[in-house]
Protein backbone atom coordinates (compact mmCIF):
# COMPACT_ATOMS: atom_id res chain seq x y z
CA MET A 1 15.50 -91.90 -3.89
CA THR A 2 16.19 -92.83 -0.24
CA SER A 3 18.36 -89.76 0.77
CA GLN A 4 18.81 -86.07 0.09
CA ALA A 5 22.22 -86.68 -1.34
CA GLU A 6 20.73 -88.99 -4.03
CA THR A 7 18.06 -86.55 -4.69
CA PHE A 8 20.61 -83.71 -5.23
CA ALA A 9 22.62 -85.96 -7.49
CA ALA A 10 19.56 -86.82 -9.59
CA LEU A 11 18.55 -83.09 -9.88
CA GLN A 12 22.15 -82.23 -10.94
CA ARG A 13 22.11 -84.95 -13.50
CA TYR A 14 18.79 -84.24 -15.14
CA GLY A 15 18.48 -80.51 -14.57
CA GLU A 16 15.33 -78.69 -15.42
CA GLY A 17 13.93 -81.84 -17.21
CA ALA A 18 13.28 -83.43 -13.76
CA LYS A 19 10.32 -83.10 -11.42
CA LEU A 20 10.05 -84.29 -7.83
CA LEU A 21 7.28 -86.69 -7.00
CA ALA A 22 5.94 -86.63 -3.36
CA GLY A 23 2.22 -86.70 -2.86
CA GLY A 24 1.54 -86.08 -6.55
CA GLN A 25 -1.82 -84.39 -5.92
CA SER A 26 -0.92 -81.49 -8.05
CA LEU A 27 1.72 -82.93 -10.19
CA VAL A 28 -0.26 -85.96 -11.52
CA PRO A 29 -3.27 -83.93 -12.73
CA ALA A 30 -0.94 -81.55 -14.53
CA LEU A 31 0.68 -84.56 -16.21
CA ASN A 32 -2.74 -85.94 -17.24
CA LEU A 33 -3.67 -82.61 -18.72
CA ARG A 34 -0.35 -82.33 -20.54
CA LEU A 35 0.46 -79.11 -18.77
CA LEU A 36 3.76 -80.57 -17.70
CA SER A 37 5.98 -83.11 -19.54
CA PRO A 38 9.09 -83.66 -17.50
CA ALA A 39 11.82 -85.91 -18.85
CA ILE A 40 11.97 -87.75 -15.54
CA LEU A 41 10.18 -88.00 -12.19
CA ILE A 42 12.24 -88.37 -9.08
CA ASP A 43 10.27 -90.15 -6.37
CA ILE A 44 11.24 -88.76 -2.94
CA ASN A 45 8.72 -90.58 -0.82
CA ASP A 46 11.32 -92.76 0.86
CA VAL A 47 13.67 -89.96 1.86
CA ASP A 48 13.34 -90.14 5.59
CA GLU A 49 15.26 -86.89 6.19
CA LEU A 50 12.21 -85.05 4.77
CA LYS A 51 9.75 -86.59 7.27
CA GLY A 52 8.77 -85.88 10.80
CA ILE A 53 7.39 -83.19 13.11
CA SER A 54 9.59 -82.09 16.04
CA LEU A 55 10.33 -79.28 18.43
CA ARG A 56 13.75 -77.68 18.11
CA ALA A 57 14.47 -74.99 20.71
CA ASN A 58 11.56 -72.48 20.30
CA LYS A 59 10.51 -73.66 16.88
CA LEU A 60 8.28 -76.38 15.43
CA ARG A 61 9.99 -78.13 12.52
CA ILE A 62 7.71 -79.87 9.98
CA GLY A 63 9.26 -82.08 7.30
CA ALA A 64 8.32 -81.46 3.70
CA LEU A 65 6.90 -84.97 3.30
CA THR A 66 4.38 -84.42 6.15
CA ARG A 67 0.94 -85.32 4.74
CA HIS A 68 -1.92 -82.95 5.09
CA ALA A 69 -3.76 -85.52 7.25
CA GLU A 70 -0.80 -85.69 9.58
CA ILE A 71 -0.90 -81.93 10.05
CA GLU A 72 -4.57 -82.25 10.85
CA ARG A 73 -4.01 -84.94 13.56
CA ALA A 74 -0.55 -84.26 15.05
CA ALA A 75 -0.63 -83.41 18.75
CA LEU A 76 2.55 -81.11 18.38
CA ILE A 77 0.81 -79.07 15.71
CA ALA A 78 -2.43 -78.81 17.61
CA GLU A 79 -0.39 -77.47 20.65
CA HIS A 80 2.20 -75.25 18.98
CA ALA A 81 0.74 -74.23 15.59
CA PRO A 82 -3.10 -74.57 15.86
CA LEU A 83 -3.67 -72.43 12.81
CA LEU A 84 -2.14 -75.24 10.71
CA LYS A 85 -4.46 -77.85 12.14
CA GLU A 86 -7.48 -75.68 11.34
CA ALA A 87 -6.24 -74.97 7.79
CA ALA A 88 -5.53 -78.60 7.07
CA ARG A 89 -9.07 -79.67 7.43
CA HIS A 90 -10.14 -77.19 4.64
CA ILE A 91 -7.71 -78.82 2.14
CA ALA A 92 -9.69 -80.59 -0.62
CA HIS A 93 -11.02 -84.00 0.46
CA PRO A 94 -9.79 -86.75 2.78
CA ALA A 95 -8.25 -88.87 -0.05
CA ILE A 96 -6.22 -85.89 -1.18
CA ARG A 97 -5.18 -85.00 2.46
CA ASN A 98 -3.97 -88.53 2.91
CA ARG A 99 -1.51 -88.24 0.09
CA GLY A 100 -0.76 -84.56 -0.42
CA THR A 101 2.32 -83.17 1.34
CA MET A 102 3.01 -79.87 2.96
CA GLY A 103 6.12 -79.37 0.84
CA GLY A 104 4.27 -80.11 -2.38
CA SER A 105 1.66 -77.58 -1.50
CA LEU A 106 4.17 -74.92 -0.79
CA VAL A 107 6.35 -75.58 -3.81
CA ASN A 108 3.30 -75.59 -6.12
CA ALA A 109 2.44 -72.12 -4.75
CA ASP A 110 -1.17 -72.06 -5.99
CA PRO A 111 -2.53 -68.68 -4.92
CA ALA A 112 -5.76 -70.40 -3.67
CA SER A 113 -4.02 -72.90 -1.44
CA GLU A 114 -4.33 -72.74 2.38
CA LEU A 115 -0.84 -73.66 3.62
CA PRO A 116 1.17 -70.91 1.85
CA ALA A 117 -1.00 -68.24 3.50
CA CYS A 118 -0.46 -69.98 6.87
CA MET A 119 3.28 -69.74 6.40
CA VAL A 120 3.03 -66.00 5.87
CA ALA A 121 0.74 -65.50 8.86
CA LEU A 122 2.90 -67.62 11.16
CA GLY A 123 6.21 -66.02 10.20
CA ALA A 124 7.61 -69.37 9.11
CA GLU A 125 10.99 -69.99 7.69
CA ILE A 126 11.17 -72.21 4.53
CA VAL A 127 14.15 -74.52 4.72
CA LEU A 128 15.80 -75.13 1.35
CA ALA A 129 18.73 -77.39 0.64
CA SER A 130 21.00 -78.33 -2.21
CA ALA A 131 24.32 -80.13 -2.74
CA ALA A 132 25.94 -76.72 -1.82
CA GLY A 133 24.23 -76.45 1.55
CA GLU A 134 21.12 -75.17 3.33
CA ARG A 135 19.38 -71.81 3.52
CA ARG A 136 16.29 -70.37 5.01
CA VAL A 137 13.80 -68.05 3.39
CA PRO A 138 11.13 -66.14 5.29
CA GLY A 139 7.55 -67.34 4.39
CA GLY A 140 6.67 -63.84 3.16
CA ASP A 141 9.57 -63.84 0.65
CA PHE A 142 9.18 -67.47 -0.55
CA PHE A 143 6.18 -67.01 -2.69
CA THR A 144 7.12 -64.65 -5.56
CA GLY A 145 4.29 -64.91 -8.03
CA LEU A 146 1.74 -67.11 -9.71
CA TYR A 147 3.08 -70.64 -9.12
CA GLU A 148 6.46 -69.13 -8.57
CA THR A 149 8.68 -69.44 -5.49
CA ALA A 150 12.24 -68.52 -4.47
CA ILE A 151 13.58 -72.10 -4.93
CA ALA A 152 16.73 -72.06 -7.11
CA PRO A 153 17.67 -74.80 -9.55
CA GLY A 154 18.99 -77.92 -7.74
CA GLU A 155 17.32 -77.02 -4.48
CA ILE A 156 14.55 -78.85 -2.68
CA LEU A 157 12.27 -77.80 0.10
CA THR A 158 13.21 -79.92 3.21
CA ALA A 159 11.15 -78.51 5.94
CA VAL A 160 9.45 -75.47 7.48
CA GLU A 161 10.26 -74.00 10.91
CA ILE A 162 7.54 -72.08 12.75
CA PRO A 163 7.87 -70.20 16.02
CA ILE A 164 5.94 -72.01 18.67
CA ALA A 165 2.72 -70.43 19.88
CA ARG A 166 3.25 -67.77 22.65
CA GLN A 167 1.02 -67.05 25.62
CA ASN A 168 -1.91 -64.72 24.61
CA GLU A 169 -1.61 -65.64 20.86
CA ARG A 170 -4.82 -66.52 19.06
CA TYR A 171 -5.44 -67.89 15.66
CA VAL A 172 -8.24 -67.98 13.17
CA PHE A 173 -8.64 -69.56 9.67
CA MET A 174 -11.53 -68.91 7.42
CA GLU A 175 -12.30 -69.49 3.73
CA LEU A 176 -15.29 -69.20 1.47
CA ALA A 177 -15.78 -71.65 -1.29
CA ARG A 178 -18.76 -72.75 -3.46
CA ARG A 179 -18.61 -76.29 -2.15
CA VAL A 180 -16.69 -78.17 0.55
CA GLY A 181 -13.42 -79.25 -0.96
CA ASP A 182 -13.39 -76.67 -3.69
CA TYR A 183 -10.66 -74.13 -4.07
CA ALA A 184 -11.38 -71.05 -1.95
CA LEU A 185 -12.90 -67.95 -3.57
CA VAL A 186 -11.25 -65.99 -0.75
CA GLY A 187 -9.56 -67.10 2.47
CA ILE A 188 -7.67 -65.65 5.41
CA ALA A 189 -5.11 -67.16 7.79
CA CYS A 190 -4.59 -64.86 10.83
CA GLN A 191 -2.65 -64.73 14.07
CA ALA A 192 -2.53 -62.08 16.76
CA GLU A 193 -1.41 -61.51 20.35
CA VAL A 194 -4.49 -60.43 22.49
CA VAL A 195 -3.98 -58.41 25.68
CA ASP A 196 -6.97 -56.85 27.47
CA ASN A 197 -9.17 -57.28 24.41
CA VAL A 198 -6.65 -55.41 22.30
CA LEU A 199 -4.98 -56.99 19.24
CA HIS A 200 -1.20 -56.83 18.90
CA ASP A 201 1.13 -58.21 16.32
CA LEU A 202 -1.87 -58.87 14.01
CA LYS A 203 -0.92 -60.80 10.86
CA PRO A 204 -3.84 -61.33 8.48
CA ALA A 205 -2.68 -63.30 5.40
CA PHE A 206 -5.15 -63.50 2.54
CA PHE A 207 -5.22 -66.07 -0.26
CA ALA A 208 -7.05 -66.38 -3.60
CA VAL A 209 -6.94 -62.54 -3.89
CA GLY A 210 -3.80 -62.22 -5.92
CA THR A 211 -0.96 -64.16 -7.48
CA ARG A 212 0.45 -65.13 -4.11
CA PRO A 213 -0.53 -64.98 -0.39
CA ILE A 214 -0.74 -61.42 0.75
CA LEU A 215 -0.13 -60.08 4.30
CA ALA A 216 -2.56 -57.22 4.71
CA SER A 217 -0.31 -54.97 6.72
CA ALA A 218 -2.12 -51.73 6.00
CA ALA A 219 -5.42 -53.18 7.21
CA ALA A 220 -3.67 -54.64 10.37
CA THR A 221 -2.29 -51.15 11.27
CA ARG A 222 -5.92 -49.82 11.50
CA ILE A 223 -6.65 -52.42 14.15
CA ILE A 224 -3.40 -52.99 16.17
CA GLY A 225 -3.50 -51.43 19.58
CA ARG A 226 -7.06 -50.00 19.25
CA GLN A 227 -10.34 -50.67 20.95
CA ILE A 228 -12.22 -52.46 18.27
CA ASP A 229 -15.62 -51.21 17.19
CA ALA A 230 -17.65 -51.38 13.93
CA ALA A 231 -16.07 -48.09 12.70
CA CYS A 232 -12.57 -49.46 13.28
CA LEU A 233 -13.39 -52.57 11.26
CA GLU A 234 -14.77 -50.61 8.45
CA GLU A 235 -11.64 -48.54 8.37
CA ALA A 236 -9.49 -51.72 8.25
CA ALA A 237 -11.75 -53.36 5.59
CA ALA A 238 -11.46 -50.27 3.41
CA ALA A 239 -7.66 -50.46 3.64
CA LEU A 240 -7.71 -53.79 1.89
CA ASP A 241 -8.16 -51.89 -1.43
CA GLU A 242 -4.53 -50.78 -1.07
CA GLU A 243 -3.22 -54.38 -0.82
CA LEU A 244 -5.30 -57.00 -2.49
CA ALA A 245 -5.38 -57.60 -6.20
CA PRO A 246 -8.10 -60.15 -6.98
CA ILE A 247 -8.81 -61.08 -10.59
CA ASN A 248 -11.86 -61.87 -12.63
CA ASP A 249 -12.37 -65.62 -13.43
CA LEU A 250 -15.09 -68.06 -14.01
CA GLN A 251 -15.63 -68.57 -10.30
CA ALA A 252 -15.98 -64.93 -9.17
CA SER A 253 -15.49 -61.37 -10.17
CA ALA A 254 -12.62 -59.26 -8.74
CA ALA A 255 -15.29 -57.15 -7.08
CA MET A 256 -16.97 -60.06 -5.43
CA ARG A 257 -13.63 -61.42 -4.14
CA MET A 258 -12.80 -57.95 -2.70
CA HIS A 259 -16.20 -57.78 -0.99
CA LEU A 260 -15.69 -61.34 0.44
CA ALA A 261 -12.12 -60.39 1.66
CA ARG A 262 -13.70 -57.52 3.65
CA VAL A 263 -16.31 -59.85 5.13
CA LEU A 264 -13.68 -62.34 6.14
CA LEU A 265 -11.54 -59.66 7.76
CA ARG A 266 -14.45 -58.50 9.90
CA ARG A 267 -15.30 -62.04 10.89
CA ALA A 268 -11.75 -62.98 11.68
CA VAL A 269 -11.36 -60.04 14.06
CA ALA A 270 -14.65 -60.96 15.74
CA ALA A 271 -13.39 -64.50 16.15
CA LEU A 272 -10.11 -63.34 17.58
CA LEU A 273 -12.03 -61.29 20.19
CA PRO A 274 -14.90 -63.52 21.49
CA GLU A 275 -15.20 -61.31 24.58
CA LEU A 276 -16.38 -58.51 22.25
CA GLN A 277 -18.48 -60.86 20.11
CA HIS A 278 -21.75 -59.12 21.03
CA CYS A 279 -20.68 -55.73 19.91
CA LEU A 280 -18.83 -56.96 16.84
CA GLN A 281 -21.24 -59.58 15.57
CA THR A 282 -23.23 -57.05 13.45
CA ALA A 283 -20.18 -55.64 11.77
CA ALA A 284 -18.89 -59.22 11.21
CA ARG A 285 -22.01 -60.16 9.37
CA ALA A 286 -21.91 -57.22 7.13
């Protein structure tokens, strides 16, 4: 395919028997393992409308075919969405980052993936298009379940639009994995506005602790607008029990994942407030 119009026509013709091929870093392994057997693959790598990183008004627009390695290196992303730059370097290995695409990662909706959580933390809008037109879905509403999204039949993800970084905003991305390049056992993507060492508009989005990325709003309310100390952090960490739903699997137990989520929340807050690092470092290491 060389245009969106051709892609829409192919999707309409082949229906649910078709799968889009972009980077192929999730699709090809699934084909090899016989987890998927589509009737046809629609190659969209030459659709230029799905490429590019640009500023539009007060938003950063990133095309669906943007490779992970481009996110890691792009000056516009480093300036206006540094959380994405930090997250990208945690994605698998260089060979995968050179081929894998942002759109592919979001559509695959793996609950242990880095970029979906970033979309939630950054308040991104997911841009979807079909032959009938275009619509936008908030990042927090796009991921609906395990490998499930709000994409309707005949639609494709064309881009994401992210509000550009504001003054006083800070970002932190952390994940814990058994080895570099492995899927995360637990991870957090977080943004906040910092004024006089107080956190405002805190958005901690966790991944690998449920069937989709989870914005820990209850934990955030225990922190926003308060002078942070160890007791405050413990209160926020305890609130995660209300929101996260980790599972037991071969990599870690649900209890272990919950413990690690609490650890990451403490560390993330400490990283957002380096001015208070001395008094928070003990709690962050707990």
